Structure formats: structure tokens, C-alpha cells
Amino acid sequence: MQTVFEGIFWLSVAMILLVTIGYPAMLVLVSPLIRRQRHLDDVEPTVTLIIAAHNEERCLAAKLENAVALDYPRERLEIVVASDGSTDGTAAIAESFRDRGVRLCSFPRTGKTGVQNLVAKSATGEILVFSDANALYRPDAIRKLVRNFADPTIACVSGQLSYERADGAGGCENSYWNYEKFLKRRESDLSSLIGANGSIYAVRRADYIEINNDLISDFVQPLALVRNGRRVVYEPEAVSIEEAGTTHAVEFRRKVRILTRSIRGLLHMRELLNPFRYGIFSFQLFMHKVLRYFVPIFLLSAVTSLTGLALLGRYQVLFTLAVISIAVATVVARCMERRGSNLLVRVCHLLYYYLMVNYALVPAWLNIARGAGMTLWVPDRKST
């Protein structure tokens, strides 16, 4: 029994390390050897900026002020607010910007993907840029996005999300996102990007694919384009700024919603896991998404087997350290949720956040099992 427990424990640890450290290390080693070039140029195609909004009166005015001030020819930029069944002052705020070129499209409650599909049909721009109401763009963000479309092989471009005033739970989300940006840059250079950033990404209107309303658009749309033989790239100089989540509870709810829709999207696009047809992109998708979604199983098997070993009188020091670390991290993170200036506090927040994100996969998988798609969304964060 001891040998079995040891085998399960070390295999589980190896899988966790492979997903979190091994895969990024592989990308670093391979990137200098295999890198897809792209052609950039200062082109100025017509653009439709689509802002999906559900009850966003808190931040919509700031977003629209930001949008009309973007450094892009105003006559070539259409700004559309897609109100998804808003019941607050969202529509009135959008209407107040009508004389500044903002168009309001109001729809019954459909979900973010649904209203994006509807607006895409009437958009006039050659390039569709999708954004959130709480995301403020740097002045040159549109220019940085569209310069990539000078390359005819590129159908979708994702910008970079940057968090402001990130502390405590928000600081952990910022650290996680820095890790994701590291992967995005290298995956984009290697073949194609896996998913886009929902607050700032662009698609050629001619390439846009209408997807089911219960699928997460910024993940499934890029995957569908790759399936069609098109390329998706990352543009780190096109920056969108948001305020990070304020509490772990807010982040947990958001993660459950995103992960539920992402898993559903991955299952919907599972044909991309065929390496004989999609080559290295299939490997990236398997490592970055499939294995990551199974990390809770690896964690559970590691904890279970380590507990069994401790009861048999083995690895007791490691077991004790693990229990103490998790307990301290939980207490510190829950009691000092918005403070992270001290190194120990930050480490505790990061450990708690890592466990929380992986635990969020449990209800996400349960949602998938019972057919709960979580098509609708409610804003969780404050505006910047």
C-alpha cells in the first residue's frame, strides 16, 4: 500500500509541476527555434467598437469618454453599446453620447455572446473590436490592434489586459494574469493564440463566426477561427486597463462562471485536439487548457495519497508542513483580504488564490455535468 501511495503522490506532483512550470519552460525553449513571423503596418481600416453592457451605469460614461477620445480617425470608428437587457441607466447614458457618434443597440436579455452576434450583423467596420464597459483603452490601443491585420493570414488579434490598484485578492489576480500573458506571447509566436482577452480583442468582420449564445466568445471565437485555418495573435502593446477584483469571493464567482463557459467551449471545439490535423496548436491546447482543467484531480490525489502515507508513518513532516501552510494561508487571506504589502501576506494570498482557482473548477465541472451553461452574466467589478 505504501508503494501505491508513493506512486500516486509523486505522479500527481509531477503532473501539477508539468502544467504550471513544465509547459511554460517548454515554450521558452522552443520559441527561439520555431517562431511564426507576422507583417505589421500602420493601416487604418474602418472599425466598429462593440461594448457589451448589462446594467453598467456605474462605469459606462467613463468608458464612452475613453472611446470617443481614442487616437483613431473618428470617421473610421463606429462605437456601439450593446445593451443586454439593462434595467438601470445604461441606455440613457449611451443615448447621451449619440451626438458624439455613439450608437445604442438594446436587446432583450440574451447574454454577452448573443448581443455580440447581433451587433456584428449590422456593424459597418471591416474590423470588429470587442470590449467590456469597465475596460479603459490606452489612446493607441485600436491602432496597435489593427496594424496586425496588414497580415492577411491573421483573423483575430487579442490585446493585453492590465490591472490597476491591485492588492490582496486583486494582486493575486494580477500575478495570475502576468503568468497568462507570458504564455500568450509565446503561444502566439509559436502558432496561434489560445483564446483572446474579452476586454480587448479584434476580429475581421469577413472572418467573424457566429457561435452559440451559451459559449464564451473570447475563447471559442478564436478557436473557431483556428479551426478554419486562420491565425490568432497576441498584441501586448494594445492595452486595456481594468480594476482588479476586490475580494476573493468576487474572484471565485467570476472564475466559476468563466471556467464553466470555457470548459463547455473546449468540449464544443474538441476536434482541435487532433494533432494530425492541427499540429502544435493541439499540443498547446492540451497542455494549456485540458491538463489545467484536471489539476483539481491531481491536487486531490496528491493530498489523499500524502494523508495515507502520513497515517502509515511516512512523509509526516511534509504532511504537517502542507497542512500548516494551507491553514495559515487561508486564515491570512480571509482576515487580511485587501492588504498584501508584507511578503508573507502576499505569499499567503497567492497560495490561497491558487487553491481557490482550482477549487472553482469543481463547481464548474458540476455545472457542466448538470447542463448549466451560465449564459448570462452580472458585472462583478468596479470601474477604474
Protein backbone atom coordinates (compact mmCIF):
# COMPACT_ATOMS: atom_id res chain seq x y z
CA MET A 1 0.00 0.00 0.00
CA GLN A 2 2.85 2.39 0.83
CA THR A 3 4.34 1.89 -2.63
CA VAL A 4 0.98 2.62 -4.26
CA PHE A 5 0.52 5.80 -2.22
CA GLU A 6 4.04 6.96 -3.07
CA GLY A 7 3.50 6.31 -6.77
CA ILE A 8 0.20 8.23 -6.79
CA PHE A 9 1.68 11.11 -4.78
CA TRP A 10 4.75 11.68 -6.91
CA LEU A 11 2.84 11.21 -10.17
CA SER A 12 0.30 13.80 -9.01
CA VAL A 13 3.05 16.23 -8.02
CA ALA A 14 4.77 15.67 -11.36
CA MET A 15 1.57 16.45 -13.28
CA ILE A 16 0.97 19.64 -11.28
CA LEU A 17 4.54 20.78 -11.94
CA LEU A 18 4.24 19.87 -15.62
CA VAL A 19 1.15 22.04 -16.04
CA THR A 20 2.35 25.06 -14.03
CA ILE A 21 6.09 25.09 -14.68
CA GLY A 22 7.00 22.46 -17.26
CA TYR A 23 4.79 23.78 -20.05
CA PRO A 24 6.00 27.41 -19.74
CA ALA A 25 9.58 26.10 -19.70
CA MET A 26 8.90 24.16 -22.91
CA LEU A 27 7.59 27.31 -24.59
CA VAL A 28 10.72 29.23 -23.57
CA LEU A 29 12.97 26.53 -25.02
CA VAL A 30 11.03 26.05 -28.26
CA SER A 31 10.17 29.69 -29.06
CA PRO A 32 13.64 30.68 -30.35
CA LEU A 33 13.64 27.65 -32.65
CA ILE A 34 10.10 27.89 -34.07
CA ARG A 35 8.64 31.36 -34.48
CA ARG A 36 5.93 32.42 -36.93
CA GLN A 37 6.55 35.85 -38.35
CA ARG A 38 3.81 38.41 -38.97
CA HIS A 39 3.58 41.53 -41.06
CA LEU A 40 2.70 44.79 -39.27
CA ASP A 41 1.75 48.08 -40.94
CA ASP A 42 0.09 51.34 -39.93
CA VAL A 43 -3.17 50.59 -41.70
CA GLU A 44 -6.45 52.38 -40.88
CA PRO A 45 -9.37 50.09 -41.75
CA THR A 46 -12.87 51.02 -40.65
CA VAL A 47 -13.51 49.74 -37.12
CA THR A 48 -16.63 49.00 -35.09
CA LEU A 49 -16.03 49.07 -31.33
CA ILE A 50 -18.68 46.88 -29.69
CA ILE A 51 -19.20 47.44 -25.95
CA ALA A 52 -21.32 44.72 -24.34
CA ALA A 53 -23.16 46.10 -21.31
CA HIS A 54 -25.60 44.79 -18.76
CA ASN A 55 -26.51 47.31 -16.03
CA GLU A 56 -23.25 49.23 -16.40
CA GLU A 57 -24.41 52.73 -15.39
CA ARG A 58 -21.61 52.77 -12.83
CA CYS A 59 -18.84 52.83 -15.41
CA LEU A 60 -20.32 53.32 -18.89
CA ALA A 61 -19.90 57.11 -19.06
CA ALA A 62 -16.17 56.80 -18.33
CA LYS A 63 -15.90 54.05 -20.95
CA LEU A 64 -17.59 56.14 -23.62
CA GLU A 65 -15.48 59.20 -22.82
CA ASN A 66 -12.47 56.95 -23.22
CA ALA A 67 -13.81 55.54 -26.51
CA VAL A 68 -14.53 58.87 -28.22
CA ALA A 69 -11.07 60.13 -27.23
CA LEU A 70 -9.17 57.21 -28.80
CA ASP A 71 -6.36 58.07 -31.20
CA TYR A 72 -8.07 56.75 -34.32
CA PRO A 73 -9.76 58.66 -37.18
CA ARG A 74 -13.21 59.39 -35.83
CA GLU A 75 -14.85 58.97 -39.23
CA ARG A 76 -13.43 55.44 -39.41
CA LEU A 77 -14.51 54.39 -35.92
CA GLU A 78 -18.08 53.28 -35.16
CA ILE A 79 -18.89 52.94 -31.45
CA VAL A 80 -21.80 50.69 -30.46
CA VAL A 81 -23.17 49.98 -27.00
CA ALA A 82 -24.87 46.58 -26.99
CA SER A 83 -27.22 46.71 -24.02
CA ASP A 84 -28.09 43.20 -22.88
CA GLY A 85 -31.44 43.70 -21.19
CA SER A 86 -30.17 46.51 -18.97
CA THR A 87 -32.69 47.79 -16.40
CA ASP A 88 -30.67 50.66 -14.95
CA GLY A 89 -29.41 53.87 -16.59
CA THR A 90 -27.17 52.13 -19.15
CA ALA A 91 -29.36 53.00 -22.15
CA ALA A 92 -29.82 56.63 -21.07
CA ILE A 93 -26.07 57.11 -20.69
CA ALA A 94 -25.43 55.61 -24.12
CA GLU A 95 -28.12 57.84 -25.66
CA SER A 96 -26.48 60.92 -24.13
CA PHE A 97 -23.45 60.20 -26.33
CA ARG A 98 -25.49 59.94 -29.53
CA ASP A 99 -24.38 63.35 -30.78
CA ARG A 100 -20.77 62.22 -30.31
CA GLY A 101 -21.24 59.26 -32.63
CA VAL A 102 -22.24 56.51 -30.19
CA ARG A 103 -24.96 54.12 -31.34
CA LEU A 104 -27.14 52.23 -28.84
CA CYS A 105 -28.47 48.78 -29.64
CA SER A 106 -30.84 47.48 -26.97
CA PHE A 107 -31.69 43.79 -26.84
CA PRO A 108 -33.70 41.52 -24.52
CA ARG A 109 -31.56 39.62 -22.01
CA THR A 110 -29.53 37.34 -24.24
CA GLY A 111 -26.04 37.10 -22.81
CA LYS A 112 -22.77 38.68 -23.87
CA THR A 113 -22.11 36.33 -26.78
CA GLY A 114 -25.68 36.76 -28.03
CA VAL A 115 -25.59 40.55 -28.21
CA GLN A 116 -22.15 40.44 -29.83
CA ASN A 117 -23.54 38.16 -32.53
CA LEU A 118 -26.46 40.53 -33.11
CA VAL A 119 -24.37 43.69 -33.36
CA ALA A 120 -21.83 42.01 -35.63
CA LYS A 121 -24.57 41.62 -38.25
CA SER A 122 -25.19 45.37 -38.50
CA ALA A 123 -21.65 46.62 -37.88
CA THR A 124 -20.13 48.75 -40.63
CA GLY A 125 -16.46 48.31 -39.73
CA GLU A 126 -14.08 46.00 -41.55
CA ILE A 127 -12.68 45.15 -38.12
CA LEU A 128 -14.83 44.35 -35.09
CA VAL A 129 -13.29 45.24 -31.72
CA PHE A 130 -14.97 43.74 -28.66
CA SER A 131 -14.76 45.40 -25.26
CA ASP A 132 -16.28 45.50 -21.78
CA ALA A 133 -17.83 48.55 -20.18
CA ASN A 134 -15.30 48.63 -17.33
CA ALA A 135 -12.26 48.40 -19.63
CA LEU A 136 -10.47 51.64 -20.46
CA TYR A 137 -8.20 51.63 -23.50
CA ARG A 138 -4.91 53.42 -23.86
CA PRO A 139 -5.22 56.04 -26.64
CA ASP A 140 -3.33 53.98 -29.23
CA ALA A 141 -4.99 50.63 -28.42
CA ILE A 142 -7.07 50.44 -31.61
CA ARG A 143 -4.10 51.36 -33.78
CA LYS A 144 -1.96 48.70 -32.16
CA LEU A 145 -4.66 46.08 -32.70
CA VAL A 146 -5.44 46.81 -36.34
CA ARG A 147 -1.82 47.06 -37.52
CA ASN A 148 -1.73 43.26 -37.29
CA PHE A 149 -4.45 42.95 -39.94
CA ALA A 150 -1.95 44.09 -42.56
CA ASP A 151 -1.04 40.40 -42.47
CA PRO A 152 -3.74 38.57 -44.49
CA THR A 153 -3.23 35.31 -42.55
CA ILE A 154 -4.40 36.94 -39.30
CA ALA A 155 -8.11 36.89 -38.48
CA CYS A 156 -8.09 37.78 -34.78
CA VAL A 157 -5.90 39.89 -32.50
CA SER A 158 -6.02 39.94 -28.71
CA GLY A 159 -4.75 42.91 -26.74
CA GLN A 160 -3.25 42.96 -23.27
CA LEU A 161 -5.25 43.33 -20.07
CA SER A 162 -3.56 45.33 -17.32
CA TYR A 163 -4.89 45.69 -13.78
CA GLU A 164 -4.83 48.86 -11.70
CA ARG A 165 -4.85 49.23 -7.92
CA ALA A 166 -4.27 45.51 -7.45
CA ASP A 167 -3.89 44.44 -3.82
CA GLY A 168 -4.86 41.38 -1.79
CA ALA A 169 -7.19 39.29 -3.98
CA GLY A 170 -6.69 41.74 -6.83
CA GLY A 171 -2.92 41.42 -6.51
CA CYS A 172 -3.24 37.65 -6.88
CA GLU A 173 -5.37 38.06 -9.99
CA ASN A 174 -2.76 40.44 -11.37
CA SER A 175 0.02 37.90 -10.70
CA TYR A 176 -2.04 35.17 -12.35
CA TRP A 177 -2.67 37.38 -15.36
CA ASN A 178 1.05 38.19 -15.70
CA TYR A 179 1.64 34.43 -15.86
CA GLU A 180 -1.07 34.12 -18.54
CA LYS A 181 0.44 36.96 -20.57
CA PHE A 182 3.78 35.16 -20.51
CA LEU A 183 2.09 32.10 -22.05
CA LYS A 184 0.03 34.13 -24.54
CA ARG A 185 3.03 35.88 -26.04
CA ARG A 186 4.90 32.63 -26.63
CA GLU A 187 1.92 30.63 -27.88
CA SER A 188 1.12 33.41 -30.33
CA ASP A 189 4.67 33.38 -31.68
CA LEU A 190 4.74 29.60 -31.90
CA SER A 191 1.47 29.01 -33.77
CA SER A 192 -1.75 30.72 -32.69
CA LEU A 193 -3.11 32.20 -29.50
CA ILE A 194 -5.45 30.05 -27.41
CA GLY A 195 -8.37 32.35 -26.68
CA ALA A 196 -8.45 36.13 -26.51
CA ASN A 197 -8.89 38.74 -23.82
CA GLY A 198 -12.59 39.55 -23.51
CA SER A 199 -11.96 43.23 -22.77
CA ILE A 200 -9.89 43.87 -25.90
CA TYR A 201 -9.81 41.72 -28.99
CA ALA A 202 -10.50 42.27 -32.67
CA VAL A 203 -11.80 40.08 -35.49
CA ARG A 204 -12.06 40.71 -39.21
CA ARG A 205 -15.76 41.10 -39.95
CA ALA A 206 -15.32 38.85 -43.00
CA ASP A 207 -13.95 36.10 -40.73
CA TYR A 208 -16.37 36.52 -37.81
CA ILE A 209 -18.09 33.28 -36.86
CA GLU A 210 -21.44 33.38 -35.08
CA ILE A 211 -21.23 30.98 -32.16
CA ASN A 212 -23.85 29.66 -29.76
CA ASN A 213 -25.01 32.08 -27.09
CA ASP A 214 -24.04 29.69 -24.29
CA LEU A 215 -20.38 29.66 -25.38
CA ILE A 216 -17.76 32.12 -24.16
CA SER A 217 -17.00 34.29 -27.16
CA ASP A 218 -13.44 35.40 -26.41
CA PHE A 219 -12.37 31.75 -26.07
CA VAL A 220 -14.47 29.93 -28.66
CA GLN A 221 -14.36 32.56 -31.42
CA PRO A 222 -10.52 32.36 -31.71
CA LEU A 223 -10.66 28.55 -31.58
CA ALA A 224 -13.25 28.51 -34.36
CA LEU A 225 -11.02 30.74 -36.48
CA VAL A 226 -8.03 28.42 -35.96
CA ARG A 227 -10.28 25.52 -36.99
CA ASN A 228 -10.93 27.43 -40.23
CA GLY A 229 -7.20 27.69 -40.90
CA ARG A 230 -6.87 31.30 -39.75
CA ARG A 231 -4.34 32.72 -37.29
CA VAL A 232 -4.92 34.38 -33.91
CA VAL A 233 -2.16 36.56 -32.42
CA TYR A 234 -1.36 38.48 -29.26
CA GLU A 235 -0.62 42.21 -29.37
CA PRO A 236 0.86 43.26 -26.00
CA GLU A 237 1.06 46.94 -26.99
CA ALA A 238 -2.73 47.23 -27.32
CA VAL A 239 -3.57 47.77 -23.66
CA SER A 240 -6.89 47.66 -21.82
CA ILE A 241 -6.96 48.71 -18.16
CA GLU A 242 -9.32 47.38 -15.51
CA GLU A 243 -9.51 47.49 -11.74
CA ALA A 244 -8.79 44.09 -10.22
CA GLY A 245 -11.37 42.29 -8.11
CA THR A 246 -11.58 43.46 -4.52
CA THR A 247 -12.26 40.20 -2.68
CA HIS A 248 -11.60 36.50 -3.08
CA ALA A 249 -15.36 35.88 -3.04
CA VAL A 250 -15.84 38.14 -6.09
CA GLU A 251 -12.99 36.42 -7.89
CA PHE A 252 -14.33 32.98 -7.01
CA ARG A 253 -17.76 33.71 -8.51
CA ARG A 254 -16.17 35.16 -11.62
CA LYS A 255 -13.84 32.18 -12.00
CA VAL A 256 -16.68 29.66 -11.69
CA ARG A 257 -18.63 31.47 -14.40
CA ILE A 258 -15.64 31.81 -16.76
CA LEU A 259 -14.41 28.26 -16.19
CA THR A 260 -17.87 26.78 -16.72
CA ARG A 261 -18.20 28.51 -20.07
CA SER A 262 -14.59 27.77 -21.02
CA ILE A 263 -14.94 24.04 -20.34
CA ARG A 264 -18.15 24.00 -22.36
CA GLY A 265 -16.32 25.83 -25.15
CA LEU A 266 -13.42 23.39 -25.07
CA LEU A 267 -15.76 20.41 -25.29
CA HIS A 268 -17.52 22.11 -28.20
CA MET A 269 -14.19 22.60 -30.02
CA ARG A 270 -12.60 19.30 -29.01
CA GLU A 271 -11.74 18.45 -32.63
CA LEU A 272 -8.84 20.92 -32.29
CA LEU A 273 -7.13 18.38 -30.04
CA ASN A 274 -6.34 16.27 -33.11
CA PRO A 275 -2.55 16.73 -33.59
CA PHE A 276 -2.60 15.09 -37.02
CA ARG A 277 -4.75 17.95 -38.29
CA TYR A 278 -3.80 20.91 -36.13
CA GLY A 279 -0.22 20.06 -35.23
CA ILE A 280 1.50 22.01 -32.47
CA PHE A 281 -1.65 24.01 -31.73
CA SER A 282 -3.28 20.79 -30.47
CA PHE A 283 -0.36 20.28 -28.11
CA GLN A 284 -0.70 23.85 -26.81
CA LEU A 285 -4.43 23.44 -26.28
CA PHE A 286 -3.95 20.14 -24.46
CA MET A 287 -1.23 21.48 -22.16
CA HIS A 288 -2.68 24.93 -21.50
CA LYS A 289 -6.35 24.02 -21.12
CA VAL A 290 -7.12 20.29 -20.89
CA LEU A 291 -4.49 19.39 -18.31
CA ARG A 292 -5.09 22.60 -16.38
CA TYR A 293 -8.78 21.81 -16.05
CA PHE A 294 -7.82 18.50 -14.44
CA VAL A 295 -5.41 19.99 -11.88
CA PRO A 296 -8.02 19.65 -9.05
CA ILE A 297 -7.90 15.88 -9.59
CA PHE A 298 -4.10 15.92 -9.34
CA LEU A 299 -4.31 18.05 -6.18
CA LEU A 300 -6.91 15.76 -4.61
CA SER A 301 -4.93 12.63 -5.41
CA ALA A 302 -1.76 14.25 -4.02
CA VAL A 303 -3.49 15.24 -0.77
CA THR A 304 -5.21 11.85 -0.40
CA SER A 305 -2.07 9.84 -1.03
CA LEU A 306 0.05 12.10 1.23
CA THR A 307 -2.50 11.66 4.01
CA GLY A 308 -2.36 7.91 3.54
CA LEU A 309 1.44 7.96 3.71
CA ALA A 310 1.35 10.06 6.89
CA LEU A 311 -1.01 7.58 8.54
CA LEU A 312 1.47 4.85 7.63
CA GLY A 313 4.25 6.82 9.33
CA ARG A 314 5.83 8.18 6.13
CA TYR A 315 6.28 11.78 4.88
CA GLN A 316 4.85 13.10 8.17
CA VAL A 317 7.00 16.26 8.13
CA LEU A 318 5.87 17.07 4.58
CA PHE A 319 2.25 16.37 5.52
CA THR A 320 2.50 18.64 8.59
CA LEU A 321 4.08 21.45 6.57
CA ALA A 322 1.38 21.17 3.91
CA VAL A 323 -1.44 21.33 6.48
CA ILE A 324 0.11 24.28 8.32
CA SER A 325 0.80 26.17 5.07
CA ILE A 326 -2.77 25.77 3.81
CA ALA A 327 -4.25 26.69 7.20
CA VAL A 328 -2.09 29.80 7.62
CA ALA A 329 -2.69 30.91 4.01
CA THR A 330 -6.44 30.54 4.45
CA VAL A 331 -6.56 32.48 7.72
CA VAL A 332 -4.30 35.29 6.47
CA ALA A 333 -6.06 35.61 3.11
CA ARG A 334 -9.53 35.65 4.65
CA CYS A 335 -8.64 38.03 7.50
CA MET A 336 -6.40 40.41 5.50
CA GLU A 337 -8.24 40.31 2.20
CA ARG A 338 -7.24 43.76 0.94
CA ARG A 339 -3.74 44.01 2.33
CA GLY A 340 -0.72 42.47 0.70
CA SER A 341 2.27 44.72 1.27
CA ASN A 342 4.07 42.28 3.57
CA LEU A 343 5.91 39.45 1.75
CA LEU A 344 4.43 36.74 3.98
CA VAL A 345 0.92 38.11 3.45
CA ARG A 346 1.42 38.20 -0.32
CA VAL A 347 2.67 34.61 -0.33
CA CYS A 348 -0.35 33.53 1.71
CA HIS A 349 -2.68 35.33 -0.70
CA LEU A 350 -1.04 33.64 -3.69
CA LEU A 351 -1.30 30.16 -2.16
CA TYR A 352 -4.92 30.72 -1.17
CA TYR A 353 -5.71 32.15 -4.62
CA TYR A 354 -4.12 29.13 -6.33
CA LEU A 355 -6.21 26.75 -4.25
CA MET A 356 -9.34 28.87 -4.77
CA VAL A 357 -8.95 28.95 -8.56
CA ASN A 358 -8.53 25.20 -8.69
CA TYR A 359 -11.45 24.68 -6.34
CA ALA A 360 -13.53 26.87 -8.69
CA LEU A 361 -13.04 24.15 -11.30
CA VAL A 362 -15.06 21.76 -9.12
CA PRO A 363 -18.39 23.66 -9.31
CA ALA A 364 -17.53 24.50 -12.93
CA TRP A 365 -17.33 20.79 -13.81
CA LEU A 366 -20.51 20.16 -11.80
CA ASN A 367 -22.25 22.89 -13.83
CA ILE A 368 -21.17 21.12 -17.00
CA ALA A 369 -22.39 17.78 -15.66
CA ARG A 370 -25.87 19.12 -14.93
CA GLY A 371 -26.05 21.22 -18.11
CA ALA A 372 -25.86 24.66 -16.50
CA GLY A 373 -24.28 26.87 -19.17
CA MET A 374 -24.21 30.20 -17.27
CA THR A 375 -25.07 32.13 -20.44
CA LEU A 376 -25.96 35.35 -18.60
CA TRP A 377 -23.58 37.49 -16.61
CA VAL A 378 -23.78 40.20 -13.96
CA PRO A 379 -20.92 42.74 -13.56
CA ASP A 380 -18.78 41.95 -10.52
CA ARG A 381 -16.11 44.62 -10.63
CA LYS A 382 -15.93 48.32 -10.18
CA SER A 383 -14.84 50.65 -12.96
CA THR A 384 -11.38 52.21 -12.95
